[in-house]
Amino acid sequence: MTSTLKAPHTCHAQKCDVEVEPAMFMCRPHWFMVPPPLREAIKSSYRPGQEADKQASGEYLALAHAAIDAVAHKELRGAPRKARPPRKPVQLALFELDSA
């Protein structure tokens, strides 16, 4: 008897391991980080069944990469910045001008 276990399908956002339905591109939080025009373009270029036959169009793949990059950019911008080490104080030299 052979097992027909399917591999889990996860969100395509970087470093996200949330399981989603195979026809879904990203988990809900990440999907709504994609700019609306790009979401619409992805939906319009999606072909039902492409997740099963692994034959997505070049247009879909290009849009998918753009969406992944857009989400990564938003997450990076929202990440707390690393604290910088304190700078050494700068000593300013004061000069007196002769008023002759």
PDB file of N, CA and C in Angstrom:
ATOM      1  N   MET A   1       0.835  -1.165   0.000  1.00  0.00           N
ATOM      2  CA  MET A   1       0.000   0.000   0.000  1.00  0.00           C
ATOM      3  C   MET A   1       0.891   1.243   0.000  1.00  0.00           C
ATOM      4  N   THR A   2       0.689   2.118  -0.945  1.00  0.00           N
ATOM      5  CA  THR A   2       1.512   3.312  -1.025  1.00  0.00           C
ATOM      6  C   THR A   2       0.760   4.493  -0.434  1.00  0.00           C
ATOM      7  N   SER A   3       1.516   5.358   0.166  1.00  0.00           N
ATOM      8  CA  SER A   3       0.934   6.547   0.768  1.00  0.00           C
ATOM      9  C   SER A   3       0.967   7.684  -0.243  1.00  0.00           C
ATOM     10  N   THR A   4      -0.104   8.436  -0.305  1.00  0.00           N
ATOM     11  CA  THR A   4      -0.164   9.565  -1.233  1.00  0.00           C
ATOM     12  C   THR A   4      -0.203  10.870  -0.443  1.00  0.00           C
ATOM     13  N   LEU A   5       0.713  10.999   0.471  1.00  0.00           N
ATOM     14  CA  LEU A   5       0.777  12.224   1.256  1.00  0.00           C
ATOM     15  C   LEU A   5       1.314  13.350   0.391  1.00  0.00           C
ATOM     16  N   LYS A   6       0.631  14.461   0.426  1.00  0.00           N
ATOM     17  CA  LYS A   6       1.083  15.619  -0.331  1.00  0.00           C
ATOM     18  C   LYS A   6       2.003  16.448   0.542  1.00  0.00           C
ATOM     19  N   ALA A   7       3.004  17.010  -0.093  1.00  0.00           N
ATOM     20  CA  ALA A   7       3.910  17.894   0.641  1.00  0.00           C
ATOM     21  C   ALA A   7       3.125  19.143   1.038  1.00  0.00           C
ATOM     22  N   PRO A   8       3.383  19.682   2.219  1.00  0.00           N
ATOM     23  CA  PRO A   8       2.657  20.886   2.623  1.00  0.00           C
ATOM     24  C   PRO A   8       3.015  22.061   1.714  1.00  0.00           C
ATOM     25  N   HIS A   9       2.034  22.903   1.464  1.00  0.00           N
ATOM     26  CA  HIS A   9       2.239  24.092   0.647  1.00  0.00           C
ATOM     27  C   HIS A   9       2.290  25.281   1.597  1.00  0.00           C
ATOM     28  N   THR A  10       3.359  26.023   1.551  1.00  0.00           N
ATOM     29  CA  THR A  10       3.509  27.156   2.467  1.00  0.00           C
ATOM     30  C   THR A  10       3.466  28.474   1.719  1.00  0.00           C
ATOM     31  N   CYS A  11       3.251  29.515   2.480  1.00  0.00           N
ATOM     32  CA  CYS A  11       3.248  30.882   1.969  1.00  0.00           C
ATOM     33  C   CYS A  11       4.559  31.144   1.231  1.00  0.00           C
ATOM     34  N   HIS A  12       4.490  31.892   0.142  1.00  0.00           N
ATOM     35  CA  HIS A  12       5.689  32.164  -0.649  1.00  0.00           C
ATOM     36  C   HIS A  12       6.494  33.362  -0.159  1.00  0.00           C
ATOM     37  N   ALA A  13       6.029  34.034   0.895  1.00  0.00           N
ATOM     38  CA  ALA A  13       6.814  35.136   1.444  1.00  0.00           C
ATOM     39  C   ALA A  13       8.084  34.572   2.066  1.00  0.00           C
ATOM     40  N   GLN A  14       9.139  35.354   2.028  1.00  0.00           N
ATOM     41  CA  GLN A  14      10.418  34.905   2.578  1.00  0.00           C
ATOM     42  C   GLN A  14      10.285  34.623   4.070  1.00  0.00           C
ATOM     43  N   LYS A  15      10.858  33.529   4.507  1.00  0.00           N
ATOM     44  CA  LYS A  15      10.913  33.119   5.908  1.00  0.00           C
ATOM     45  C   LYS A  15       9.540  32.923   6.538  1.00  0.00           C
ATOM     46  N   CYS A  16       8.529  32.599   5.736  1.00  0.00           N
ATOM     47  CA  CYS A  16       7.194  32.322   6.269  1.00  0.00           C
ATOM     48  C   CYS A  16       6.894  30.852   6.041  1.00  0.00           C
ATOM     49  N   ASP A  17       6.569  30.144   7.104  1.00  0.00           N
ATOM     50  CA  ASP A  17       6.285  28.718   6.967  1.00  0.00           C
ATOM     51  C   ASP A  17       4.823  28.389   7.278  1.00  0.00           C
ATOM     52  N   VAL A  18       3.952  29.375   7.126  1.00  0.00           N
ATOM     53  CA  VAL A  18       2.526  29.162   7.339  1.00  0.00           C
ATOM     54  C   VAL A  18       1.986  28.314   6.194  1.00  0.00           C
ATOM     55  N   GLU A  19       1.288  27.222   6.535  1.00  0.00           N
ATOM     56  CA  GLU A  19       0.707  26.374   5.504  1.00  0.00           C
ATOM     57  C   GLU A  19      -0.551  27.035   4.951  1.00  0.00           C
ATOM     58  N   VAL A  20      -0.667  27.020   3.628  1.00  0.00           N
ATOM     59  CA  VAL A  20      -1.831  27.561   2.940  1.00  0.00           C
ATOM     60  C   VAL A  20      -2.314  26.532   1.923  1.00  0.00           C
ATOM     61  N   GLU A  21      -3.534  26.716   1.438  1.00  0.00           N
ATOM     62  CA  GLU A  21      -4.053  25.838   0.392  1.00  0.00           C
ATOM     63  C   GLU A  21      -3.156  25.953  -0.844  1.00  0.00           C
ATOM     64  N   PRO A  22      -2.988  24.889  -1.608  1.00  0.00           N
ATOM     65  CA  PRO A  22      -2.110  24.943  -2.775  1.00  0.00           C
ATOM     66  C   PRO A  22      -2.453  26.038  -3.781  1.00  0.00           C
ATOM     67  N   ALA A  23      -3.723  26.377  -3.917  1.00  0.00           N
ATOM     68  CA  ALA A  23      -4.102  27.417  -4.876  1.00  0.00           C
ATOM     69  C   ALA A  23      -3.826  28.821  -4.343  1.00  0.00           C
ATOM     70  N   MET A  24      -3.479  28.923  -3.075  1.00  0.00           N
ATOM     71  CA  MET A  24      -3.186  30.241  -2.493  1.00  0.00           C
ATOM     72  C   MET A  24      -1.713  30.554  -2.659  1.00  0.00           C
ATOM     73  N   PHE A  25      -1.434  31.808  -2.931  1.00  0.00           N
ATOM     74  CA  PHE A  25      -0.056  32.235  -3.148  1.00  0.00           C
ATOM     75  C   PHE A  25       0.653  32.553  -1.839  1.00  0.00           C
ATOM     76  N   MET A  26      -0.033  33.248  -0.941  1.00  0.00           N
ATOM     77  CA  MET A  26       0.552  33.654   0.337  1.00  0.00           C
ATOM     78  C   MET A  26      -0.490  33.535   1.436  1.00  0.00           C
ATOM     79  N   CYS A  27      -0.020  33.556   2.663  1.00  0.00           N
ATOM     80  CA  CYS A  27      -0.933  33.615   3.795  1.00  0.00           C
ATOM     81  C   CYS A  27      -1.619  34.992   3.775  1.00  0.00           C
ATOM     82  N   ARG A  28      -2.716  35.100   4.480  1.00  0.00           N
ATOM     83  CA  ARG A  28      -3.510  36.330   4.437  1.00  0.00           C
ATOM     84  C   ARG A  28      -2.713  37.584   4.817  1.00  0.00           C
ATOM     85  N   PRO A  29      -1.963  37.583   5.931  1.00  0.00           N
ATOM     86  CA  PRO A  29      -1.221  38.806   6.265  1.00  0.00           C
ATOM     87  C   PRO A  29      -0.235  39.230   5.185  1.00  0.00           C
ATOM     88  N   HIS A  30       0.473  38.267   4.610  1.00  0.00           N
ATOM     89  CA  HIS A  30       1.442  38.617   3.569  1.00  0.00           C
ATOM     90  C   HIS A  30       0.736  39.026   2.278  1.00  0.00           C
ATOM     91  N   TRP A  31      -0.362  38.360   1.948  1.00  0.00           N
ATOM     92  CA  TRP A  31      -1.078  38.695   0.722  1.00  0.00           C
ATOM     93  C   TRP A  31      -1.528  40.152   0.733  1.00  0.00           C
ATOM     94  N   PHE A  32      -1.972  40.631   1.884  1.00  0.00           N
ATOM     95  CA  PHE A  32      -2.446  42.013   1.948  1.00  0.00           C
ATOM     96  C   PHE A  32      -1.312  43.028   2.092  1.00  0.00           C
ATOM     97  N   MET A  33      -0.084  42.562   2.148  1.00  0.00           N
ATOM     98  CA  MET A  33       1.071  43.451   2.065  1.00  0.00           C
ATOM     99  C   MET A  33       1.469  43.703   0.606  1.00  0.00           C
ATOM    100  N   VAL A  34       0.981  42.858  -0.287  1.00  0.00           N
ATOM    101  CA  VAL A  34       1.254  43.035  -1.724  1.00  0.00           C
ATOM    102  C   VAL A  34       0.424  44.227  -2.204  1.00  0.00           C
ATOM    103  N   PRO A  35       1.017  45.150  -2.949  1.00  0.00           N
ATOM    104  CA  PRO A  35       0.249  46.290  -3.453  1.00  0.00           C
ATOM    105  C   PRO A  35      -0.975  45.819  -4.253  1.00  0.00           C
ATOM    106  N   PRO A  36      -2.132  46.468  -4.065  1.00  0.00           N
ATOM    107  CA  PRO A  36      -3.369  46.025  -4.727  1.00  0.00           C
ATOM    108  C   PRO A  36      -3.259  45.825  -6.244  1.00  0.00           C
ATOM    109  N   PRO A  37      -2.608  46.718  -6.998  1.00  0.00           N
ATOM    110  CA  PRO A  37      -2.514  46.451  -8.448  1.00  0.00           C
ATOM    111  C   PRO A  37      -1.752  45.159  -8.764  1.00  0.00           C
ATOM    112  N   LEU A  38      -0.744  44.868  -7.966  1.00  0.00           N
ATOM    113  CA  LEU A  38       0.026  43.642  -8.175  1.00  0.00           C
ATOM    114  C   LEU A  38      -0.806  42.420  -7.792  1.00  0.00           C
ATOM    115  N   ARG A  39      -1.596  42.527  -6.724  1.00  0.00           N
ATOM    116  CA  ARG A  39      -2.502  41.418  -6.354  1.00  0.00           C
ATOM    117  C   ARG A  39      -3.462  41.122  -7.502  1.00  0.00           C
ATOM    118  N   GLU A  40      -4.032  42.170  -8.080  1.00  0.00           N
ATOM    119  CA  GLU A  40      -4.978  41.986  -9.185  1.00  0.00           C
ATOM    120  C   GLU A  40      -4.292  41.350 -10.388  1.00  0.00           C
ATOM    121  N   ALA A  41      -3.080  41.770 -10.677  1.00  0.00           N
ATOM    122  CA  ALA A  41      -2.342  41.201 -11.809  1.00  0.00           C
ATOM    123  C   ALA A  41      -2.043  39.721 -11.582  1.00  0.00           C
ATOM    124  N   ILE A  42      -1.701  39.372 -10.356  1.00  0.00           N
ATOM    125  CA  ILE A  42      -1.435  37.965 -10.036  1.00  0.00           C
ATOM    126  C   ILE A  42      -2.705  37.148 -10.202  1.00  0.00           C
ATOM    127  N   LYS A  43      -3.823  37.666  -9.680  1.00  0.00           N
ATOM    128  CA  LYS A  43      -5.091  36.941  -9.802  1.00  0.00           C
ATOM    129  C   LYS A  43      -5.499  36.768 -11.259  1.00  0.00           C
ATOM    130  N   SER A  44      -5.277  37.790 -12.075  1.00  0.00           N
ATOM    131  CA  SER A  44      -5.694  37.690 -13.472  1.00  0.00           C
ATOM    132  C   SER A  44      -4.780  36.784 -14.294  1.00  0.00           C
ATOM    133  N   SER A  45      -3.540  36.609 -13.870  1.00  0.00           N
ATOM    134  CA  SER A  45      -2.632  35.744 -14.621  1.00  0.00           C
ATOM    135  C   SER A  45      -2.615  34.304 -14.093  1.00  0.00           C
ATOM    136  N   TYR A  46      -3.335  34.062 -12.993  1.00  0.00           N
ATOM    137  CA  TYR A  46      -3.414  32.714 -12.426  1.00  0.00           C
ATOM    138  C   TYR A  46      -4.290  31.826 -13.304  1.00  0.00           C
ATOM    139  N   ARG A  47      -3.826  30.619 -13.558  1.00  0.00           N
ATOM    140  CA  ARG A  47      -4.602  29.635 -14.316  1.00  0.00           C
ATOM    141  C   ARG A  47      -4.982  28.523 -13.359  1.00  0.00           C
ATOM    142  N   PRO A  48      -6.278  28.270 -13.163  1.00  0.00           N
ATOM    143  CA  PRO A  48      -6.679  27.191 -12.253  1.00  0.00           C
ATOM    144  C   PRO A  48      -5.982  25.879 -12.609  1.00  0.00           C
ATOM    145  N   GLY A  49      -5.421  25.251 -11.616  1.00  0.00           N
ATOM    146  CA  GLY A  49      -4.726  23.984 -11.800  1.00  0.00           C
ATOM    147  C   GLY A  49      -3.226  24.111 -11.971  1.00  0.00           C
ATOM    148  N   GLN A  50      -2.720  25.330 -12.101  1.00  0.00           N
ATOM    149  CA  GLN A  50      -1.276  25.476 -12.317  1.00  0.00           C
ATOM    150  C   GLN A  50      -0.472  25.014 -11.107  1.00  0.00           C
ATOM    151  N   GLU A  51      -1.081  25.039  -9.929  1.00  0.00           N
ATOM    152  CA  GLU A  51      -0.364  24.553  -8.743  1.00  0.00           C
ATOM    153  C   GLU A  51      -0.204  23.042  -8.776  1.00  0.00           C
ATOM    154  N   ALA A  52      -1.072  22.350  -9.497  1.00  0.00           N
ATOM    155  CA  ALA A  52      -0.999  20.893  -9.591  1.00  0.00           C
ATOM    156  C   ALA A  52      -0.054  20.446 -10.702  1.00  0.00           C
ATOM    157  N   ASP A  53      -0.149  21.100 -11.869  1.00  0.00           N
ATOM    158  CA  ASP A  53       0.694  20.654 -12.985  1.00  0.00           C
ATOM    159  C   ASP A  53       2.032  21.391 -13.074  1.00  0.00           C
ATOM    160  N   LYS A  54       2.225  22.383 -12.191  1.00  0.00           N
ATOM    161  CA  LYS A  54       3.492  23.131 -12.113  1.00  0.00           C
ATOM    162  C   LYS A  54       3.844  23.799 -13.443  1.00  0.00           C
ATOM    163  N   GLN A  55       2.824  24.288 -14.147  1.00  0.00           N
ATOM    164  CA  GLN A  55       3.037  24.927 -15.447  1.00  0.00           C
ATOM    165  C   GLN A  55       2.549  26.375 -15.430  1.00  0.00           C
ATOM    166  N   ALA A  56       3.003  27.151 -14.467  1.00  0.00           N
ATOM    167  CA  ALA A  56       2.623  28.557 -14.396  1.00  0.00           C
ATOM    168  C   ALA A  56       3.259  29.323 -15.551  1.00  0.00           C
ATOM    169  N   SER A  57       2.559  30.344 -16.008  1.00  0.00           N
ATOM    170  CA  SER A  57       3.070  31.138 -17.135  1.00  0.00           C
ATOM    171  C   SER A  57       4.259  31.990 -16.684  1.00  0.00           C
ATOM    172  N   GLY A  58       5.023  32.437 -17.646  1.00  0.00           N
ATOM    173  CA  GLY A  58       6.143  33.337 -17.350  1.00  0.00           C
ATOM    174  C   GLY A  58       5.661  34.635 -16.725  1.00  0.00           C
ATOM    175  N   GLU A  59       4.511  35.124 -17.203  1.00  0.00           N
ATOM    176  CA  GLU A  59       3.936  36.350 -16.643  1.00  0.00           C
ATOM    177  C   GLU A  59       3.603  36.160 -15.164  1.00  0.00           C
ATOM    178  N   TYR A  60       2.959  35.038 -14.844  1.00  0.00           N
ATOM    179  CA  TYR A  60       2.603  34.759 -13.450  1.00  0.00           C
ATOM    180  C   TYR A  60       3.859  34.685 -12.585  1.00  0.00           C
ATOM    181  N   LEU A  61       4.870  33.993 -13.063  1.00  0.00           N
ATOM    182  CA  LEU A  61       6.098  33.835 -12.282  1.00  0.00           C
ATOM    183  C   LEU A  61       6.793  35.180 -12.056  1.00  0.00           C
ATOM    184  N   ALA A  62       6.805  36.036 -13.065  1.00  0.00           N
ATOM    185  CA  ALA A  62       7.419  37.355 -12.916  1.00  0.00           C
ATOM    186  C   ALA A  62       6.646  38.179 -11.888  1.00  0.00           C
ATOM    187  N   LEU A  63       5.321  38.129 -11.954  1.00  0.00           N
ATOM    188  CA  LEU A  63       4.501  38.852 -10.985  1.00  0.00           C
ATOM    189  C   LEU A  63       4.688  38.284  -9.581  1.00  0.00           C
ATOM    190  N   ALA A  64       4.804  36.961  -9.491  1.00  0.00           N
ATOM    191  CA  ALA A  64       5.003  36.319  -8.188  1.00  0.00           C
ATOM    192  C   ALA A  64       6.315  36.783  -7.561  1.00  0.00           C
ATOM    193  N   HIS A  65       7.365  36.842  -8.346  1.00  0.00           N
ATOM    194  CA  HIS A  65       8.653  37.309  -7.821  1.00  0.00           C
ATOM    195  C   HIS A  65       8.565  38.768  -7.388  1.00  0.00           C
ATOM    196  N   ALA A  66       7.848  39.574  -8.155  1.00  0.00           N
ATOM    197  CA  ALA A  66       7.677  40.982  -7.783  1.00  0.00           C
ATOM    198  C   ALA A  66       6.919  41.100  -6.463  1.00  0.00           C
ATOM    199  N   ALA A  67       5.913  40.262  -6.263  1.00  0.00           N
ATOM    200  CA  ALA A  67       5.139  40.288  -5.019  1.00  0.00           C
ATOM    201  C   ALA A  67       5.989  39.858  -3.827  1.00  0.00           C
ATOM    202  N   ILE A  68       6.792  38.827  -4.022  1.00  0.00           N
ATOM    203  CA  ILE A  68       7.674  38.359  -2.947  1.00  0.00           C
ATOM    204  C   ILE A  68       8.656  39.466  -2.569  1.00  0.00           C
ATOM    205  N   ASP A  69       9.210  40.136  -3.568  1.00  0.00           N
ATOM    206  CA  ASP A  69      10.135  41.242  -3.316  1.00  0.00           C
ATOM    207  C   ASP A  69       9.442  42.407  -2.615  1.00  0.00           C
ATOM    208  N   ALA A  70       8.213  42.709  -3.022  1.00  0.00           N
ATOM    209  CA  ALA A  70       7.474  43.825  -2.411  1.00  0.00           C
ATOM    210  C   ALA A  70       7.210  43.561  -0.934  1.00  0.00           C
ATOM    211  N   VAL A  71       6.826  42.332  -0.612  1.00  0.00           N
ATOM    212  CA  VAL A  71       6.572  41.976   0.788  1.00  0.00           C
ATOM    213  C   VAL A  71       7.872  42.021   1.589  1.00  0.00           C
ATOM    214  N   ALA A  72       8.942  41.493   1.025  1.00  0.00           N
ATOM    215  CA  ALA A  72      10.233  41.510   1.725  1.00  0.00           C
ATOM    216  C   ALA A  72      10.673  42.946   1.999  1.00  0.00           C
ATOM    217  N   HIS A  73      10.457  43.823   1.030  1.00  0.00           N
ATOM    218  CA  HIS A  73      10.828  45.224   1.191  1.00  0.00           C
ATOM    219  C   HIS A  73      10.008  45.867   2.316  1.00  0.00           C
ATOM    220  N   LYS A  74       8.707  45.611   2.324  1.00  0.00           N
ATOM    221  CA  LYS A  74       7.859  46.171   3.384  1.00  0.00           C
ATOM    222  C   LYS A  74       8.256  45.631   4.755  1.00  0.00           C
ATOM    223  N   GLU A  75       8.570  44.354   4.826  1.00  0.00           N
ATOM    224  CA  GLU A  75       8.967  43.776   6.112  1.00  0.00           C
ATOM    225  C   GLU A  75      10.305  44.348   6.572  1.00  0.00           C
ATOM    226  N   LEU A  76      11.216  44.547   5.647  1.00  0.00           N
ATOM    227  CA  LEU A  76      12.520  45.103   5.997  1.00  0.00           C
ATOM    228  C   LEU A  76      12.374  46.535   6.497  1.00  0.00           C
ATOM    229  N   ARG A  77      11.530  47.316   5.825  1.00  0.00           N
ATOM    230  CA  ARG A  77      11.325  48.709   6.241  1.00  0.00           C
ATOM    231  C   ARG A  77      10.654  48.792   7.601  1.00  0.00           C
ATOM    232  N   GLY A  78       9.838  47.802   7.938  1.00  0.00           N
ATOM    233  CA  GLY A  78       9.133  47.809   9.209  1.00  0.00           C
ATOM    234  C   GLY A  78       9.927  47.197  10.351  1.00  0.00           C
ATOM    235  N   ALA A  79      11.049  46.577  10.030  1.00  0.00           N
ATOM    236  CA  ALA A  79      11.862  45.934  11.068  1.00  0.00           C
ATOM    237  C   ALA A  79      12.562  46.993  11.912  1.00  0.00           C
ATOM    238  N   PRO A  80      12.666  46.732  13.198  1.00  0.00           N
ATOM    239  CA  PRO A  80      13.380  47.703  14.032  1.00  0.00           C
ATOM    240  C   PRO A  80      14.842  47.794  13.609  1.00  0.00           C
ATOM    241  N   ARG A  81      15.343  48.980  13.607  1.00  0.00           N
ATOM    242  CA  ARG A  81      16.738  49.173  13.209  1.00  0.00           C
ATOM    243  C   ARG A  81      17.662  48.763  14.346  1.00  0.00           C
ATOM    244  N   LYS A  82      18.814  48.296  13.953  1.00  0.00           N
ATOM    245  CA  LYS A  82      19.817  47.932  14.952  1.00  0.00           C
ATOM    246  C   LYS A  82      20.370  49.206  15.565  1.00  0.00           C
ATOM    247  N   ALA A  83      20.585  49.144  16.852  1.00  0.00           N
ATOM    248  CA  ALA A  83      21.137  50.314  17.537  1.00  0.00           C
ATOM    249  C   ALA A  83      22.579  50.516  17.097  1.00  0.00           C
ATOM    250  N   ARG A  84      22.889  51.746  16.810  1.00  0.00           N
ATOM    251  CA  ARG A  84      24.268  52.073  16.435  1.00  0.00           C
ATOM    252  C   ARG A  84      25.077  52.307  17.695  1.00  0.00           C
ATOM    253  N   PRO A  85      26.344  51.956  17.666  1.00  0.00           N
ATOM    254  CA  PRO A  85      27.176  52.261  18.829  1.00  0.00           C
ATOM    255  C   PRO A  85      27.302  53.774  18.963  1.00  0.00           C
ATOM    256  N   PRO A  86      27.415  54.255  20.173  1.00  0.00           N
ATOM    257  CA  PRO A  86      27.528  55.705  20.334  1.00  0.00           C
ATOM    258  C   PRO A  86      28.781  56.228  19.637  1.00  0.00           C
ATOM    259  N   ARG A  87      28.626  57.374  19.041  1.00  0.00           N
ATOM    260  CA  ARG A  87      29.769  57.985  18.361  1.00  0.00           C
ATOM    261  C   ARG A  87      30.630  58.706  19.373  1.00  0.00           C
ATOM    262  N   LYS A  88      31.890  58.802  19.018  1.00  0.00           N
ATOM    263  CA  LYS A  88      32.791  59.577  19.865  1.00  0.00           C
ATOM    264  C   LYS A  88      32.425  61.049  19.706  1.00  0.00           C
ATOM    265  N   PRO A  89      32.476  61.787  20.782  1.00  0.00           N
ATOM    266  CA  PRO A  89      32.170  63.206  20.640  1.00  0.00           C
ATOM    267  C   PRO A  89      33.230  63.878  19.766  1.00  0.00           C
ATOM    268  N   VAL A  90      32.792  64.804  18.997  1.00  0.00           N
ATOM    269  CA  VAL A  90      33.694  65.533  18.120  1.00  0.00           C
ATOM    270  C   VAL A  90      34.129  66.800  18.842  1.00  0.00           C
ATOM    271  N   GLN A  91      35.422  66.980  18.905  1.00  0.00           N
ATOM    272  CA  GLN A  91      35.932  68.173  19.557  1.00  0.00           C
ATOM    273  C   GLN A  91      36.086  69.265  18.520  1.00  0.00           C
ATOM    274  N   LEU A  92      35.397  70.355  18.749  1.00  0.00           N
ATOM    275  CA  LEU A  92      35.467  71.475  17.832  1.00  0.00           C
ATOM    276  C   LEU A  92      36.487  72.467  18.335  1.00  0.00           C
ATOM    277  N   ALA A  93      37.288  72.955  17.433  1.00  0.00           N
ATOM    278  CA  ALA A  93      38.258  73.955  17.803  1.00  0.00           C
ATOM    279  C   ALA A  93      37.626  75.322  17.582  1.00  0.00           C
ATOM    280  N   LEU A  94      37.742  76.182  18.574  1.00  0.00           N
ATOM    281  CA  LEU A  94      37.205  77.531  18.459  1.00  0.00           C
ATOM    282  C   LEU A  94      38.372  78.484  18.184  1.00  0.00           C
ATOM    283  N   PHE A  95      38.178  79.311  17.222  1.00  0.00           N
ATOM    284  CA  PHE A  95      39.233  80.222  16.835  1.00  0.00           C
ATOM    285  C   PHE A  95      38.802  81.656  17.169  1.00  0.00           C
ATOM    286  N   GLU A  96      39.749  82.402  17.664  1.00  0.00           N
ATOM    287  CA  GLU A  96      39.474  83.825  17.877  1.00  0.00           C
ATOM    288  C   GLU A  96      40.022  84.585  16.694  1.00  0.00           C
ATOM    289  N   LEU A  97      39.244  85.475  16.196  1.00  0.00           N
ATOM    290  CA  LEU A  97      39.699  86.290  15.078  1.00  0.00           C
ATOM    291  C   LEU A  97      40.207  87.625  15.606  1.00  0.00           C
ATOM    292  N   ASP A  98      41.372  87.988  15.121  1.00  0.00           N
ATOM    293  CA  ASP A  98      41.898  89.307  15.511  1.00  0.00           C
ATOM    294  C   ASP A  98      41.113  90.375  14.775  1.00  0.00           C
ATOM    295  N   SER A  99      40.679  91.361  15.496  1.00  0.00           N
ATOM    296  CA  SER A  99      39.983  92.478  14.838  1.00  0.00           C
ATOM    297  C   SER A  99      40.912  93.666  14.849  1.00  0.00           C
ATOM    298  N   ALA A 100      41.834  93.651  13.955  1.00  0.00           N
ATOM    299  CA  ALA A 100      42.816  94.717  13.911  1.00  0.00           C
ATOM    300  C   ALA A 100      42.478  95.787  12.943  1.00  0.00           C
TER     301      ALA A 100
END
